[in-house]
Amino acid sequence: MKHIIKSIKKTYNLYKQPLQIGDLLEFKQTNWIIIGIEAVAITYSQLDLEETE
């Protein structure tokens, strides 16, 4: 079992609600469950999240 936990960085506009812990994310035709949030940054009108999948 290799690379079970992955990190994905996503950028959201501030008016859109980002995914939360426990939500499913489809990435490269595979579903991933978000198990944590590693980093958060706000730049102008964007929210950058680094999520653990």
PDB file of N, CA and C in Angstrom:
ATOM      1  N   MET A   1       0.853  -1.165   0.000  1.00  0.00           N
ATOM      2  CA  MET A   1       0.000   0.000   0.000  1.00  0.00           C
ATOM      3  C   MET A   1       0.905   1.236   0.000  1.00  0.00           C
ATOM      4  N   LYS A   2       0.907   1.895  -1.103  1.00  0.00           N
ATOM      5  CA  LYS A   2       1.823   2.998  -1.295  1.00  0.00           C
ATOM      6  C   LYS A   2       1.029   4.286  -1.490  1.00  0.00           C
ATOM      7  N   HIS A   3       1.457   5.354  -0.844  1.00  0.00           N
ATOM      8  CA  HIS A   3       0.841   6.677  -0.999  1.00  0.00           C
ATOM      9  C   HIS A   3      -0.653   6.662  -0.664  1.00  0.00           C
ATOM     10  N   ILE A   4      -0.983   6.168   0.497  1.00  0.00           N
ATOM     11  CA  ILE A   4      -2.386   6.122   0.909  1.00  0.00           C
ATOM     12  C   ILE A   4      -2.898   7.528   1.223  1.00  0.00           C
ATOM     13  N   ILE A   5      -2.079   8.339   1.893  1.00  0.00           N
ATOM     14  CA  ILE A   5      -2.478   9.701   2.248  1.00  0.00           C
ATOM     15  C   ILE A   5      -1.799  10.670   1.293  1.00  0.00           C
ATOM     16  N   LYS A   6      -2.595  11.553   0.694  1.00  0.00           N
ATOM     17  CA  LYS A   6      -2.081  12.534  -0.261  1.00  0.00           C
ATOM     18  C   LYS A   6      -2.508  13.919   0.167  1.00  0.00           C
ATOM     19  N   SER A   7      -1.806  14.935  -0.341  1.00  0.00           N
ATOM     20  CA  SER A   7      -2.181  16.326  -0.112  1.00  0.00           C
ATOM     21  C   SER A   7      -2.535  16.968  -1.443  1.00  0.00           C
ATOM     22  N   ILE A   8      -3.604  17.736  -1.451  1.00  0.00           N
ATOM     23  CA  ILE A   8      -4.060  18.427  -2.648  1.00  0.00           C
ATOM     24  C   ILE A   8      -4.290  19.886  -2.279  1.00  0.00           C
ATOM     25  N   LYS A   9      -3.778  20.792  -3.112  1.00  0.00           N
ATOM     26  CA  LYS A   9      -3.984  22.215  -2.874  1.00  0.00           C
ATOM     27  C   LYS A   9      -5.073  22.715  -3.814  1.00  0.00           C
ATOM     28  N   LYS A  10      -6.070  23.399  -3.243  1.00  0.00           N
ATOM     29  CA  LYS A  10      -7.176  23.943  -4.027  1.00  0.00           C
ATOM     30  C   LYS A  10      -7.329  25.426  -3.704  1.00  0.00           C
ATOM     31  N   THR A  11      -7.782  26.177  -4.683  1.00  0.00           N
ATOM     32  CA  THR A  11      -8.041  27.605  -4.493  1.00  0.00           C
ATOM     33  C   THR A  11      -9.526  27.867  -4.717  1.00  0.00           C
ATOM     34  N   TYR A  12     -10.125  28.605  -3.786  1.00  0.00           N
ATOM     35  CA  TYR A  12     -11.543  28.948  -3.845  1.00  0.00           C
ATOM     36  C   TYR A  12     -11.683  30.461  -3.832  1.00  0.00           C
ATOM     37  N   ASN A  13     -12.727  30.973  -4.467  1.00  0.00           N
ATOM     38  CA  ASN A  13     -13.089  32.370  -4.274  1.00  0.00           C
ATOM     39  C   ASN A  13     -13.712  32.484  -2.894  1.00  0.00           C
ATOM     40  N   LEU A  14     -13.542  33.633  -2.247  1.00  0.00           N
ATOM     41  CA  LEU A  14     -14.021  33.780  -0.865  1.00  0.00           C
ATOM     42  C   LEU A  14     -15.531  33.634  -0.722  1.00  0.00           C
ATOM     43  N   TYR A  15     -16.296  33.925  -1.753  1.00  0.00           N
ATOM     44  CA  TYR A  15     -17.743  33.809  -1.639  1.00  0.00           C
ATOM     45  C   TYR A  15     -18.241  32.373  -1.785  1.00  0.00           C
ATOM     46  N   LYS A  16     -17.369  31.428  -2.170  1.00  0.00           N
ATOM     47  CA  LYS A  16     -17.761  30.028  -2.329  1.00  0.00           C
ATOM     48  C   LYS A  16     -17.266  29.222  -1.130  1.00  0.00           C
ATOM     49  N   GLN A  17     -18.133  28.374  -0.591  1.00  0.00           N
ATOM     50  CA  GLN A  17     -17.763  27.569   0.565  1.00  0.00           C
ATOM     51  C   GLN A  17     -16.831  26.433   0.145  1.00  0.00           C
ATOM     52  N   PRO A  18     -15.674  26.296   0.801  1.00  0.00           N
ATOM     53  CA  PRO A  18     -14.747  25.203   0.456  1.00  0.00           C
ATOM     54  C   PRO A  18     -15.258  23.864   0.993  1.00  0.00           C
ATOM     55  N   LEU A  19     -14.650  22.790   0.522  1.00  0.00           N
ATOM     56  CA  LEU A  19     -14.981  21.468   1.046  1.00  0.00           C
ATOM     57  C   LEU A  19     -14.550  21.382   2.504  1.00  0.00           C
ATOM     58  N   GLN A  20     -15.216  20.525   3.256  1.00  0.00           N
ATOM     59  CA  GLN A  20     -14.937  20.379   4.675  1.00  0.00           C
ATOM     60  C   GLN A  20     -14.428  18.975   4.957  1.00  0.00           C
ATOM     61  N   ILE A  21     -13.910  18.771   6.154  1.00  0.00           N
ATOM     62  CA  ILE A  21     -13.449  17.447   6.570  1.00  0.00           C
ATOM     63  C   ILE A  21     -14.622  16.476   6.497  1.00  0.00           C
ATOM     64  N   GLY A  22     -14.396  15.348   5.860  1.00  0.00           N
ATOM     65  CA  GLY A  22     -15.441  14.338   5.691  1.00  0.00           C
ATOM     66  C   GLY A  22     -16.107  14.383   4.322  1.00  0.00           C
ATOM     67  N   ASP A  23     -15.904  15.474   3.575  1.00  0.00           N
ATOM     68  CA  ASP A  23     -16.485  15.579   2.233  1.00  0.00           C
ATOM     69  C   ASP A  23     -15.689  14.739   1.234  1.00  0.00           C
ATOM     70  N   LEU A  24     -16.347  14.339   0.155  1.00  0.00           N
ATOM     71  CA  LEU A  24     -15.690  13.602  -0.920  1.00  0.00           C
ATOM     72  C   LEU A  24     -15.238  14.563  -2.010  1.00  0.00           C
ATOM     73  N   LEU A  25     -14.054  14.316  -2.549  1.00  0.00           N
ATOM     74  CA  LEU A  25     -13.492  15.121  -3.621  1.00  0.00           C
ATOM     75  C   LEU A  25     -13.146  14.193  -4.769  1.00  0.00           C
ATOM     76  N   GLU A  26     -13.593  14.513  -5.977  1.00  0.00           N
ATOM     77  CA  GLU A  26     -13.232  13.713  -7.139  1.00  0.00           C
ATOM     78  C   GLU A  26     -12.000  14.337  -7.779  1.00  0.00           C
ATOM     79  N   PHE A  27     -10.938  13.556  -7.916  1.00  0.00           N
ATOM     80  CA  PHE A  27      -9.671  14.024  -8.476  1.00  0.00           C
ATOM     81  C   PHE A  27      -9.122  12.934  -9.379  1.00  0.00           C
ATOM     82  N   LYS A  28      -8.916  13.249 -10.641  1.00  0.00           N
ATOM     83  CA  LYS A  28      -8.430  12.280 -11.636  1.00  0.00           C
ATOM     84  C   LYS A  28      -9.287  11.010 -11.646  1.00  0.00           C
ATOM     85  N   GLN A  29     -10.590  11.201 -11.672  1.00  0.00           N
ATOM     86  CA  GLN A  29     -11.587  10.130 -11.754  1.00  0.00           C
ATOM     87  C   GLN A  29     -11.525   9.155 -10.576  1.00  0.00           C
ATOM     88  N   THR A  30     -11.045   9.640  -9.421  1.00  0.00           N
ATOM     89  CA  THR A  30     -11.011   8.840  -8.203  1.00  0.00           C
ATOM     90  C   THR A  30     -11.613   9.675  -7.078  1.00  0.00           C
ATOM     91  N   ASN A  31     -12.442   9.073  -6.242  1.00  0.00           N
ATOM     92  CA  ASN A  31     -13.012   9.776  -5.107  1.00  0.00           C
ATOM     93  C   ASN A  31     -12.078   9.691  -3.906  1.00  0.00           C
ATOM     94  N   TRP A  32     -11.870  10.839  -3.244  1.00  0.00           N
ATOM     95  CA  TRP A  32     -11.028  10.933  -2.057  1.00  0.00           C
ATOM     96  C   TRP A  32     -11.841  11.567  -0.946  1.00  0.00           C
ATOM     97  N   ILE A  33     -11.631  11.129   0.285  1.00  0.00           N
ATOM     98  CA  ILE A  33     -12.299  11.743   1.433  1.00  0.00           C
ATOM     99  C   ILE A  33     -11.294  12.671   2.116  1.00  0.00           C
ATOM    100  N   ILE A  34     -11.745  13.862   2.462  1.00  0.00           N
ATOM    101  CA  ILE A  34     -10.874  14.828   3.123  1.00  0.00           C
ATOM    102  C   ILE A  34     -10.785  14.461   4.595  1.00  0.00           C
ATOM    103  N   ILE A  35      -9.557  14.230   5.095  1.00  0.00           N
ATOM    104  CA  ILE A  35      -9.371  13.828   6.491  1.00  0.00           C
ATOM    105  C   ILE A  35      -8.708  14.927   7.320  1.00  0.00           C
ATOM    106  N   GLY A  36      -8.283  16.008   6.676  1.00  0.00           N
ATOM    107  CA  GLY A  36      -7.677  17.107   7.428  1.00  0.00           C
ATOM    108  C   GLY A  36      -7.338  18.271   6.524  1.00  0.00           C
ATOM    109  N   ILE A  37      -7.073  19.416   7.149  1.00  0.00           N
ATOM    110  CA  ILE A  37      -6.648  20.603   6.425  1.00  0.00           C
ATOM    111  C   ILE A  37      -5.285  21.000   6.977  1.00  0.00           C
ATOM    112  N   GLU A  38      -4.284  21.061   6.100  1.00  0.00           N
ATOM    113  CA  GLU A  38      -2.911  21.313   6.523  1.00  0.00           C
ATOM    114  C   GLU A  38      -2.563  22.790   6.582  1.00  0.00           C
ATOM    115  N   ALA A  39      -3.040  23.567   5.616  1.00  0.00           N
ATOM    116  CA  ALA A  39      -2.658  24.982   5.560  1.00  0.00           C
ATOM    117  C   ALA A  39      -3.787  25.800   4.958  1.00  0.00           C
ATOM    118  N   VAL A  40      -3.896  27.041   5.433  1.00  0.00           N
ATOM    119  CA  VAL A  40      -4.908  27.970   4.935  1.00  0.00           C
ATOM    120  C   VAL A  40      -4.225  29.305   4.675  1.00  0.00           C
ATOM    121  N   ALA A  41      -4.530  29.928   3.529  1.00  0.00           N
ATOM    122  CA  ALA A  41      -3.990  31.253   3.210  1.00  0.00           C
ATOM    123  C   ALA A  41      -5.058  32.049   2.474  1.00  0.00           C
ATOM    124  N   ILE A  42      -5.186  33.322   2.821  1.00  0.00           N
ATOM    125  CA  ILE A  42      -6.123  34.210   2.133  1.00  0.00           C
ATOM    126  C   ILE A  42      -5.304  35.275   1.404  1.00  0.00           C
ATOM    127  N   THR A  43      -5.522  35.357   0.086  1.00  0.00           N
ATOM    128  CA  THR A  43      -4.844  36.341  -0.747  1.00  0.00           C
ATOM    129  C   THR A  43      -5.900  37.084  -1.545  1.00  0.00           C
ATOM    130  N   TYR A  44      -6.054  38.365  -1.239  1.00  0.00           N
ATOM    131  CA  TYR A  44      -7.062  39.206  -1.897  1.00  0.00           C
ATOM    132  C   TYR A  44      -8.430  38.552  -1.778  1.00  0.00           C
ATOM    133  N   SER A  45      -9.010  38.098  -2.875  1.00  0.00           N
ATOM    134  CA  SER A  45     -10.362  37.527  -2.813  1.00  0.00           C
ATOM    135  C   SER A  45     -10.348  36.007  -2.970  1.00  0.00           C
ATOM    136  N   GLN A  46      -9.194  35.356  -2.692  1.00  0.00           N
ATOM    137  CA  GLN A  46      -9.103  33.904  -2.845  1.00  0.00           C
ATOM    138  C   GLN A  46      -8.658  33.236  -1.548  1.00  0.00           C
ATOM    139  N   LEU A  47      -9.143  32.035  -1.348  1.00  0.00           N
ATOM    140  CA  LEU A  47      -8.794  31.207  -0.205  1.00  0.00           C
ATOM    141  C   LEU A  47      -8.047  29.995  -0.725  1.00  0.00           C
ATOM    142  N   ASP A  48      -6.813  29.792  -0.267  1.00  0.00           N
ATOM    143  CA  ASP A  48      -6.013  28.628  -0.664  1.00  0.00           C
ATOM    144  C   ASP A  48      -6.010  27.623   0.484  1.00  0.00           C
ATOM    145  N   LEU A  49      -6.381  26.374   0.203  1.00  0.00           N
ATOM    146  CA  LEU A  49      -6.377  25.306   1.195  1.00  0.00           C
ATOM    147  C   LEU A  49      -5.489  24.175   0.728  1.00  0.00           C
ATOM    148  N   GLU A  50      -4.720  23.626   1.648  1.00  0.00           N
ATOM    149  CA  GLU A  50      -3.981  22.402   1.367  1.00  0.00           C
ATOM    150  C   GLU A  50      -4.640  21.330   2.212  1.00  0.00           C
ATOM    151  N   GLU A  51      -5.281  20.377   1.551  1.00  0.00           N
ATOM    152  CA  GLU A  51      -6.096  19.373   2.235  1.00  0.00           C
ATOM    153  C   GLU A  51      -5.417  18.005   2.195  1.00  0.00           C
ATOM    154  N   THR A  52      -5.589  17.243   3.266  1.00  0.00           N
ATOM    155  CA  THR A  52      -5.075  15.888   3.331  1.00  0.00           C
ATOM    156  C   THR A  52      -6.173  14.951   2.883  1.00  0.00           C
ATOM    157  N   GLU A  53      -5.865  14.103   1.932  1.00  0.00           N
ATOM    158  CA  GLU A  53      -6.840  13.166   1.361  1.00  0.00           C
ATOM    159  C   GLU A  53      -6.467  11.774   1.805  1.00  0.00           C
TER     160      GLU A  53
END
